[in-house]
């Protein structure tokens, strides 16, 4: 029998084998582990089924709205799950007739629900917001029962809605009280729904991040699976009512959360964003701008999915018919349920990018963005100009038979070979028919 190898030689051999494995395995392992975007990222829309009782003054009807969510191809929706409607006298909890619309939409299975655990209860002292141990425990009891009632629908939960904006009028809405509520609520929710992400923040506008930084300094992220934020710019100067401005602020928020958590990939969720088309209001944008901004934001999100885990447009449909009312005109659909241009833009941009395995952002020229994505069926590139004044044309370099291009709302794609394709704020969606990523040349529009 051969003499055994020296231990040092065995250890060295094992280290060498491990090194070789670490070099050779990642390609195949990555190929096996790669998931399409729609398995890693939630694209959703806000709805209003949880507030307002059996008949919605905002025009929401579950059967119609479920069909709209299906048509858009979205994989989530966000709605209120109010404590005051879920718990009735005698501490009895469950879906009541006033929550019938919410129950119907949640249990339809159309998409994963992101549900807002929020608001005080008229039967519970000091509950709006909860500021005593007793009120916090009563809120936690409601949250646990609410989570249990929908656990089969694979929900996500968000703690309150824009707590920081309420703080402007009531000092009880302090960062410390918010952290205390998260500390009590998250453990009981995770006990009954261990796989349900529990989000904190739901932050409204916070100029300079003053309130956000105070919240983060409380250590609240130890009681969270993700941090959520609402991002709007429709009342900024016209040149800033863009997706690029939203992306800049989201990136800044991501950095703040990464620093506070010690995790540069701490999950971020944009639980409200969008643009109002209140045409006669100085803060309204055109339907075309709403459409282009929304498509751009979806396409860009594919490049940030390592840390950006979801985005919900506010809202599914217009909440009223007053053309001058900002709140009435955020919808992807109008009050009468007819689609705005943004509906097909969201549907088309999401259909184009949702199967991507990876994506990166590039700049083709000043203010001209490209998103280069890989899919199992070939490379895909989305191109747009960040400002209406900058107009270019792009063309695929070399011979790429079968490559096509379309705009998000086009009913059919056209051949892209040898064609100079106009580039504007409306994204151009270019798809290759083989594994190669289309390389583009660019020139100013003629």
Protein backbone atom coordinates (compact mmCIF):
# COMPACT_ATOMS: atom_id res chain seq x y z
CA UNK A 1 0.00 0.00 0.00
CA UNK A 2 1.31 3.44 -0.95
CA UNK A 3 2.42 5.73 1.86
CA UNK A 4 -0.13 8.42 2.79
CA UNK A 5 0.48 11.91 1.45
CA UNK A 6 1.82 14.51 3.91
CA UNK A 7 -0.94 16.61 5.50
CA UNK A 8 0.48 19.84 4.10
CA UNK A 9 0.36 18.40 0.59
CA UNK A 10 -3.23 17.28 1.08
CA UNK A 11 -4.21 20.75 2.34
CA UNK A 12 -2.43 22.40 -0.60
CA UNK A 13 -4.13 20.05 -3.05
CA UNK A 14 -7.55 20.84 -1.57
CA UNK A 15 -6.85 24.58 -1.74
CA UNK A 16 -5.82 24.23 -5.39
CA UNK A 17 -8.96 22.26 -6.18
CA UNK A 18 -11.05 24.88 -4.41
CA UNK A 19 -9.33 27.66 -6.36
CA UNK A 20 -9.95 25.88 -9.67
CA UNK A 21 -13.59 25.36 -8.70
CA UNK A 22 -13.97 29.02 -7.80
CA UNK A 23 -12.65 29.98 -11.23
CA UNK A 24 -14.57 27.45 -13.31
CA UNK A 25 -17.91 27.18 -11.53
CA UNK A 26 -19.29 30.73 -11.45
CA UNK A 27 -20.20 30.82 -15.15
CA UNK A 28 -22.37 27.71 -14.95
CA UNK A 29 -23.62 28.54 -11.47
CA UNK A 30 -24.56 32.08 -12.55
CA UNK A 31 -26.32 30.67 -15.60
CA UNK A 32 -28.33 28.37 -13.37
CA UNK A 33 -29.07 31.02 -10.75
CA UNK A 34 -29.90 33.86 -13.14
CA UNK A 35 -33.56 34.80 -12.84
CA UNK A 36 -35.64 36.99 -15.09
CA UNK A 37 -36.37 40.47 -13.79
CA UNK A 38 -40.01 39.69 -13.01
CA UNK A 39 -38.86 37.03 -10.52
CA UNK A 40 -36.58 39.54 -8.74
CA UNK A 41 -38.53 42.78 -9.01
CA UNK A 42 -42.13 43.82 -8.41
CA UNK A 43 -43.80 46.29 -10.75
CA UNK A 44 -47.14 47.36 -9.43
CA UNK A 45 -49.76 50.05 -9.17
CA UNK A 46 -51.63 51.74 -6.36
CA UNK A 47 -55.33 51.01 -5.99
CA UNK A 48 -58.03 52.26 -3.62
CA UNK A 49 -60.09 49.27 -2.55
CA UNK A 50 -59.32 49.37 1.20
CA UNK A 51 -60.76 52.81 1.93
CA UNK A 52 -64.24 54.15 1.28
CA UNK A 53 -66.50 51.22 2.08
CA UNK A 54 -68.51 48.95 -0.26
CA UNK A 55 -68.89 51.56 -3.03
CA UNK A 56 -65.87 53.62 -4.03
CA UNK A 57 -66.31 57.34 -4.64
CA UNK A 58 -63.07 57.07 -6.62
CA UNK A 59 -64.67 54.69 -9.10
CA UNK A 60 -62.76 51.56 -8.10
CA UNK A 61 -64.55 48.27 -8.84
CA UNK A 62 -62.53 45.09 -8.15
CA UNK A 63 -63.64 43.11 -11.22
CA UNK A 64 -62.72 45.97 -13.56
CA UNK A 65 -59.48 46.77 -11.77
CA UNK A 66 -58.32 43.15 -11.66
CA UNK A 67 -58.81 43.01 -15.44
CA UNK A 68 -56.75 46.21 -15.84
CA UNK A 69 -53.89 44.85 -13.71
CA UNK A 70 -53.91 41.69 -15.84
CA UNK A 71 -53.91 43.71 -19.04
CA UNK A 72 -50.88 45.69 -17.87
CA UNK A 73 -49.05 42.49 -16.96
CA UNK A 74 -48.12 43.78 -13.49
CA UNK A 75 -47.07 41.44 -10.70
CA UNK A 76 -48.14 43.53 -7.69
CA UNK A 77 -50.57 46.16 -6.42
CA UNK A 78 -50.57 48.36 -3.30
CA UNK A 79 -53.59 49.20 -1.18
CA UNK A 80 -54.66 50.25 2.31
CA UNK A 81 -55.49 47.66 5.00
CA UNK A 82 -56.90 50.01 7.65
CA UNK A 83 -56.99 48.96 11.27
CA UNK A 84 -60.29 50.76 11.88
CA UNK A 85 -62.05 48.61 9.26
CA UNK A 86 -60.42 45.29 10.19
CA UNK A 87 -61.03 45.31 13.96
CA UNK A 88 -64.56 45.80 15.25
CA UNK A 89 -66.01 45.90 18.76
CA UNK A 90 -64.99 43.17 21.17
CA UNK A 91 -61.58 42.95 19.49
CA UNK A 92 -63.02 40.82 16.72
CA UNK A 93 -60.85 40.93 13.62
CA UNK A 94 -61.31 39.96 10.00
CA UNK A 95 -62.52 41.20 6.64
CA UNK A 96 -65.69 43.19 7.23
CA UNK A 97 -68.24 44.26 4.58
CA UNK A 98 -66.47 47.63 4.42
CA UNK A 99 -63.34 45.75 3.29
CA UNK A 100 -65.21 43.63 0.75
CA UNK A 101 -63.62 45.33 -2.28
CA UNK A 102 -60.12 44.87 -0.88
CA UNK A 103 -60.80 41.23 -0.01
CA UNK A 104 -62.06 40.54 -3.54
CA UNK A 105 -58.98 42.05 -5.18
CA UNK A 106 -56.50 40.43 -2.79
CA UNK A 107 -58.06 36.99 -3.06
CA UNK A 108 -58.42 37.19 -6.84
CA UNK A 109 -54.74 36.22 -7.02
CA UNK A 110 -54.15 38.75 -9.80
CA UNK A 111 -50.85 39.90 -8.26
CA UNK A 112 -48.92 40.08 -4.99
CA UNK A 113 -50.52 42.57 -2.60
CA UNK A 114 -48.45 45.22 -0.84
CA UNK A 115 -50.70 46.17 2.05
CA UNK A 116 -50.40 49.29 4.20
CA UNK A 117 -50.80 48.56 7.90
CA UNK A 118 -51.97 51.91 9.12
CA UNK A 119 -54.00 54.53 10.84
CA UNK A 120 -55.49 54.76 14.29
CA UNK A 121 -58.60 53.15 15.73
CA UNK A 122 -61.49 55.06 17.28
CA UNK A 123 -61.85 52.40 20.01
CA UNK A 124 -58.19 52.56 21.06
CA UNK A 125 -56.89 55.61 22.96
CA UNK A 126 -53.58 57.15 21.87
CA UNK A 127 -53.62 55.19 18.62
CA UNK A 128 -53.32 57.89 15.96
CA UNK A 129 -50.43 57.43 16.02
CA UNK A 130 -49.81 54.72 18.62
CA UNK A 131 -47.76 56.41 21.34
CA UNK A 132 -48.24 54.16 24.38
CA UNK A 133 -47.24 50.57 25.01
CA UNK A 134 -50.91 49.54 25.14
CA UNK A 135 -51.77 51.26 21.84
CA UNK A 136 -48.71 49.78 20.13
CA UNK A 137 -49.61 46.30 21.36
CA UNK A 138 -53.19 46.70 20.10
CA UNK A 139 -51.81 47.83 16.72
CA UNK A 140 -49.46 44.82 16.65
CA UNK A 141 -52.37 42.48 17.42
CA UNK A 142 -54.27 43.92 14.44
CA UNK A 143 -51.20 43.67 12.20
CA UNK A 144 -50.67 40.00 13.08
CA UNK A 145 -54.32 39.13 12.44
CA UNK A 146 -54.31 41.09 9.18
CA UNK A 147 -51.15 39.31 8.02
CA UNK A 148 -52.60 35.93 8.93
CA UNK A 149 -55.73 36.64 6.88
CA UNK A 150 -53.80 37.16 3.62
CA UNK A 151 -50.69 35.02 4.09
CA UNK A 152 -51.78 32.67 1.28
CA UNK A 153 -51.56 35.55 -1.21
CA UNK A 154 -47.79 36.06 -0.62
CA UNK A 155 -48.15 39.65 0.62
CA UNK A 156 -45.75 42.42 1.52
CA UNK A 157 -46.52 44.84 4.35
CA UNK A 158 -45.70 48.52 4.79
CA UNK A 159 -45.81 50.29 8.15
CA UNK A 160 -48.12 53.32 7.90
CA UNK A 161 -48.24 55.82 5.04
CA UNK A 162 -46.19 59.04 4.93
CA UNK A 163 -45.72 59.21 8.71
CA UNK A 164 -43.14 61.94 8.15
CA UNK A 165 -45.66 64.27 6.49
CA UNK A 166 -48.05 63.90 9.43
CA UNK A 167 -45.13 64.95 11.66
CA UNK A 168 -45.35 68.47 10.21
CA UNK A 169 -48.64 68.99 12.06
CA UNK A 170 -48.36 66.60 15.00
CA UNK A 171 -45.10 66.02 16.95
CA UNK A 172 -46.41 62.61 18.08
CA UNK A 173 -45.42 61.42 14.59
CA UNK A 174 -41.77 61.40 15.64
CA UNK A 175 -39.01 59.14 14.29
CA UNK A 176 -38.74 57.58 17.76
CA UNK A 177 -42.43 56.68 17.92
CA UNK A 178 -42.23 55.21 14.42
CA UNK A 179 -39.26 53.06 15.40
CA UNK A 180 -41.06 51.90 18.56
CA UNK A 181 -44.06 50.83 16.47
CA UNK A 182 -41.83 48.91 14.04
CA UNK A 183 -40.06 47.18 16.93
CA UNK A 184 -43.35 45.83 18.28
CA UNK A 185 -45.07 45.12 14.96
CA UNK A 186 -42.50 43.37 12.79
CA UNK A 187 -41.89 40.32 15.05
CA UNK A 188 -45.59 39.42 15.26
CA UNK A 189 -46.10 39.88 11.51
CA UNK A 190 -43.08 37.70 10.71
CA UNK A 191 -44.33 35.03 13.12
CA UNK A 192 -47.45 34.45 11.03
CA UNK A 193 -46.03 35.47 7.62
CA UNK A 194 -42.30 34.70 7.78
CA UNK A 195 -41.77 35.19 4.04
CA UNK A 196 -43.59 38.51 3.82
CA UNK A 197 -41.23 41.50 3.49
CA UNK A 198 -41.92 44.13 6.16
CA UNK A 199 -41.18 47.64 4.91
CA UNK A 200 -40.60 50.82 6.89
CA UNK A 201 -40.46 54.40 5.70
CA UNK A 202 -43.30 55.07 3.26
CA UNK A 203 -41.64 58.46 3.19
CA UNK A 204 -43.30 61.46 1.59
CA UNK A 205 -41.35 64.48 0.36
CA UNK A 206 -38.39 65.17 2.65
CA UNK A 207 -36.33 68.05 1.34
CA UNK A 208 -32.69 67.64 2.37
CA UNK A 209 -33.45 64.21 3.90
CA UNK A 210 -33.72 65.77 7.39
CA UNK A 211 -36.53 63.55 8.70
CA UNK A 212 -35.19 60.50 6.85
CA UNK A 213 -31.79 60.79 8.51
CA UNK A 214 -33.40 61.16 11.93
CA UNK A 215 -35.44 58.01 11.27
CA UNK A 216 -32.39 56.06 10.14
CA UNK A 217 -30.42 57.14 13.23
CA UNK A 218 -33.03 55.45 15.46
CA UNK A 219 -31.81 52.07 14.21
CA UNK A 220 -35.19 51.26 12.69
CA UNK A 221 -33.70 49.21 9.84
CA UNK A 222 -33.03 46.34 12.25
CA UNK A 223 -36.82 45.95 12.33
CA UNK A 224 -37.26 46.01 8.56
CA UNK A 225 -36.80 43.87 5.47
CA UNK A 226 -36.80 46.92 3.23
CA UNK A 227 -37.04 50.71 3.20
CA UNK A 228 -39.79 52.42 1.19
CA UNK A 229 -40.14 55.88 -0.26
CA UNK A 230 -42.54 57.96 -2.35
CA UNK A 231 -40.98 60.01 -5.15
CA UNK A 232 -42.77 62.77 -7.05
CA UNK A 233 -41.60 65.82 -8.99
CA UNK A 234 -44.73 67.01 -10.83
CA UNK A 235 -44.67 70.35 -8.98
CA UNK A 236 -40.99 71.06 -9.54
CA UNK A 237 -39.87 73.31 -12.37
CA UNK A 238 -40.95 71.91 -15.76
CA UNK A 239 -37.38 70.85 -16.66
CA UNK A 240 -37.23 68.64 -13.54
CA UNK A 241 -40.49 66.75 -14.05
CA UNK A 242 -38.55 63.81 -15.46
CA UNK A 243 -37.63 60.23 -14.70
CA UNK A 244 -33.97 61.32 -14.45
CA UNK A 245 -34.76 63.54 -11.44
CA UNK A 246 -36.60 60.68 -9.74
CA UNK A 247 -33.64 58.37 -10.39
CA UNK A 248 -31.18 60.88 -8.92
CA UNK A 249 -33.16 61.21 -5.67
CA UNK A 250 -33.76 57.47 -5.45
CA UNK A 251 -30.03 56.86 -5.83
CA UNK A 252 -29.34 59.35 -3.01
CA UNK A 253 -31.87 57.56 -0.77
CA UNK A 254 -30.25 54.24 -1.61
CA UNK A 255 -26.88 55.61 -0.46
CA UNK A 256 -28.33 56.90 2.83
CA UNK A 257 -29.97 53.55 3.59
CA UNK A 258 -26.81 51.66 2.62
CA UNK A 259 -24.73 53.75 4.99
CA UNK A 260 -27.22 53.42 7.85
CA UNK A 261 -27.64 49.65 7.46
CA UNK A 262 -24.04 48.76 6.59
CA UNK A 263 -25.46 46.91 3.59
CA UNK A 264 -25.01 48.61 0.20
CA UNK A 265 -27.74 46.34 -1.20
CA UNK A 266 -30.31 46.88 1.54
CA UNK A 267 -33.66 46.43 -0.26
CA UNK A 268 -35.38 49.62 -1.44
CA UNK A 269 -39.00 49.87 -2.56
CA UNK A 270 -40.54 52.87 -4.36
CA UNK A 271 -44.10 52.39 -3.19
CA UNK A 272 -45.46 55.52 -4.88
CA UNK A 273 -44.33 57.44 -7.93
CA UNK A 274 -46.05 58.97 -10.93
CA UNK A 275 -47.21 62.10 -12.68
CA UNK A 276 -50.57 63.85 -12.68
CA UNK A 277 -52.09 64.92 -15.99
CA UNK A 278 -54.23 67.70 -14.50
CA UNK A 279 -54.02 69.74 -17.70
CA UNK A 280 -55.29 73.03 -16.32
CA UNK A 281 -53.16 72.91 -13.17
CA UNK A 282 -49.67 74.41 -13.20
CA UNK A 283 -48.29 71.17 -11.72
CA UNK A 284 -49.82 68.88 -14.35
CA UNK A 285 -47.79 67.26 -17.12
CA UNK A 286 -48.93 66.20 -20.57
CA UNK A 287 -50.19 62.67 -21.12
CA UNK A 288 -47.18 62.12 -23.38
CA UNK A 289 -44.76 63.19 -20.64
CA UNK A 290 -46.50 60.89 -18.15
CA UNK A 291 -46.19 58.07 -20.66
CA UNK A 292 -42.51 58.65 -21.52
CA UNK A 293 -41.39 59.17 -17.91
CA UNK A 294 -43.10 56.00 -16.75
CA UNK A 295 -41.62 53.85 -19.52
CA UNK A 296 -38.14 55.27 -18.89
CA UNK A 297 -38.39 54.55 -15.17
CA UNK A 298 -39.38 50.92 -15.74
CA UNK A 299 -36.52 50.35 -18.17
CA UNK A 300 -33.96 51.98 -15.88
CA UNK A 301 -35.19 49.96 -12.88
CA UNK A 302 -33.89 46.81 -14.55
CA UNK A 303 -30.33 48.09 -14.00
CA UNK A 304 -30.82 48.60 -10.24
CA UNK A 305 -32.61 45.37 -9.29
CA UNK A 306 -29.69 44.28 -7.11
CA UNK A 307 -31.07 46.68 -4.47
CA UNK A 308 -34.29 48.08 -5.96
CA UNK A 309 -36.91 45.42 -5.30
CA UNK A 310 -40.15 47.04 -6.38
CA UNK A 311 -41.90 50.10 -7.77
CA UNK A 312 -45.60 51.01 -7.70
CA UNK A 313 -47.12 53.68 -9.90
CA UNK A 314 -49.70 55.95 -8.33
CA UNK A 315 -52.35 55.12 -9.34
CA UNK A 316 -54.25 52.58 -11.45
CA UNK A 317 -57.07 54.92 -12.50
CA UNK A 318 -58.02 58.56 -12.14
CA UNK A 319 -59.85 59.18 -8.86
CA UNK A 320 -62.16 61.85 -10.23
CA UNK A 321 -63.17 63.88 -13.26
CA UNK A 322 -61.98 67.40 -12.37
CA UNK A 323 -59.31 68.27 -14.96
CA UNK A 324 -57.75 70.84 -12.62
CA UNK A 325 -57.51 68.60 -9.53
CA UNK A 326 -54.04 67.10 -9.12
CA UNK A 327 -55.26 64.14 -7.08
CA UNK A 328 -57.92 63.24 -9.66
CA UNK A 329 -55.50 62.73 -12.56
CA UNK A 330 -52.64 60.37 -11.65
CA UNK A 331 -54.24 57.31 -13.23
CA UNK A 332 -52.92 54.99 -15.89
CA UNK A 333 -56.59 54.78 -16.85
CA UNK A 334 -59.10 57.62 -16.84
CA UNK A 335 -62.01 57.78 -14.41
CA UNK A 336 -64.23 56.09 -17.04
CA UNK A 337 -61.63 53.27 -17.29
CA UNK A 338 -60.46 54.19 -20.78
CA UNK A 339 -56.66 53.89 -21.04
CA UNK A 340 -54.36 56.90 -21.15
CA UNK A 341 -51.22 56.60 -23.31
CA UNK A 342 -49.29 55.70 -20.13
CA UNK A 343 -51.18 52.40 -19.87
CA UNK A 344 -49.72 50.95 -23.07
CA UNK A 345 -46.34 52.57 -22.31
CA UNK A 346 -46.13 50.76 -18.97
CA UNK A 347 -47.39 47.53 -20.52
CA UNK A 348 -44.96 47.74 -23.46
CA UNK A 349 -41.86 48.76 -21.49
CA UNK A 350 -42.50 46.03 -18.89
CA UNK A 351 -43.12 43.37 -21.55
CA UNK A 352 -39.83 44.35 -23.20
CA UNK A 353 -37.64 44.25 -20.07
CA UNK A 354 -39.31 41.79 -17.67
CA UNK A 355 -37.44 38.75 -19.04
CA UNK A 356 -34.00 40.37 -18.73
CA UNK A 357 -31.37 38.43 -16.80
CA UNK A 358 -29.08 41.43 -16.40
CA UNK A 359 -29.03 45.05 -17.55
CA UNK A 360 -26.76 48.09 -17.48
CA UNK A 361 -27.17 51.78 -18.22
CA UNK A 362 -24.91 53.54 -20.73
CA UNK A 363 -24.75 57.03 -22.21
CA UNK A 364 -24.57 57.13 -26.00
CA UNK A 365 -24.30 60.93 -26.20
CA UNK A 366 -25.05 63.90 -23.95
CA UNK A 367 -28.43 63.17 -22.42
CA UNK A 368 -29.05 60.04 -24.52
CA UNK A 369 -29.49 56.90 -22.41
CA UNK A 370 -29.31 53.26 -23.41
CA UNK A 371 -30.29 50.26 -21.32
CA UNK A 372 -28.50 47.13 -22.51
CA UNK A 373 -30.19 43.94 -21.34
CA UNK A 374 -29.49 40.24 -21.79
CA UNK A 375 -32.29 37.71 -22.14
CA UNK A 376 -32.41 34.03 -23.01
CA UNK A 377 -33.69 34.96 -26.47
CA UNK A 378 -31.09 37.61 -27.30
CA UNK A 379 -29.82 41.08 -26.49
CA UNK A 380 -32.15 44.02 -26.04
CA UNK A 381 -31.44 47.75 -26.01
CA UNK A 382 -33.74 50.61 -25.01
CA UNK A 383 -32.73 54.14 -26.05
CA UNK A 384 -34.19 57.54 -25.25
CA UNK A 385 -33.27 61.20 -24.93
CA UNK A 386 -33.64 62.71 -21.47
CA UNK A 387 -34.80 66.07 -22.82
CA UNK A 388 -37.22 66.83 -25.68
CA UNK A 389 -34.78 69.30 -27.24
CA UNK A 390 -32.12 66.66 -27.87
CA UNK A 391 -33.06 64.57 -30.87
CA UNK A 392 -30.84 61.90 -32.38
CA UNK A 393 -30.94 58.88 -34.63
CA UNK A 394 -29.43 55.47 -33.98
CA UNK A 395 -28.60 52.55 -36.24
CA UNK A 396 -27.42 49.02 -35.53
CA UNK A 397 -23.79 48.52 -36.46
CA UNK A 398 -23.04 45.62 -38.78
CA UNK A 399 -25.42 42.97 -40.02
CA UNK A 400 -28.02 41.79 -37.51
CA UNK A 401 -30.65 39.92 -39.46
CA UNK A 402 -33.93 39.68 -37.63
CA UNK A 403 -33.32 42.64 -35.31
CA UNK A 404 -36.43 44.75 -34.76
CA UNK A 405 -37.45 48.01 -33.11
CA UNK A 406 -40.65 49.46 -31.71
CA UNK A 407 -41.97 52.08 -29.33
CA UNK A 408 -43.71 50.87 -26.15
CA UNK A 409 -47.21 51.50 -27.54
CA UNK A 410 -46.58 50.09 -31.03
CA UNK A 411 -48.73 47.13 -31.97
CA UNK A 412 -45.94 45.52 -34.02
CA UNK A 413 -42.15 45.78 -34.32
CA UNK A 414 -40.35 46.79 -37.53
CA UNK A 415 -37.06 45.56 -39.05
CA UNK A 416 -34.09 47.46 -37.61
CA UNK A 417 -31.32 46.48 -40.03
CA UNK A 418 -29.81 49.46 -41.92
CA UNK A 419 -32.49 51.82 -40.60
CA UNK A 420 -31.72 55.12 -38.90
CA UNK A 421 -34.20 55.18 -36.01
CA UNK A 422 -35.35 58.52 -34.52
CA UNK A 423 -34.62 58.92 -30.81
CA UNK A 424 -36.78 61.14 -28.59
CA UNK A 425 -38.06 61.02 -25.02
CA UNK A 426 -40.22 58.05 -26.04
CA UNK A 427 -37.99 54.97 -25.58
CA UNK A 428 -37.01 53.00 -28.68
CA UNK A 429 -36.99 49.26 -27.95
CA UNK A 430 -34.51 47.28 -30.07
CA UNK A 431 -34.43 43.49 -29.92
CA UNK A 432 -31.88 41.12 -31.47
CA UNK A 433 -32.92 37.69 -32.63
CA UNK A 434 -29.66 36.04 -31.55
CA UNK A 435 -27.43 36.15 -28.50
CA UNK A 436 -25.49 39.22 -29.58
CA UNK A 437 -26.08 42.60 -27.96
CA UNK A 438 -26.92 45.13 -30.70
CA UNK A 439 -24.14 47.71 -31.00
CA UNK A 440 -25.40 51.15 -32.00
CA UNK A 441 -24.05 54.15 -33.82
CA UNK A 442 -25.61 57.54 -33.17
CA UNK A 443 -25.88 60.87 -34.96
CA UNK A 444 -27.85 64.10 -34.46
CA UNK A 445 -31.27 63.97 -36.10
CA UNK A 446 -31.39 65.36 -39.61
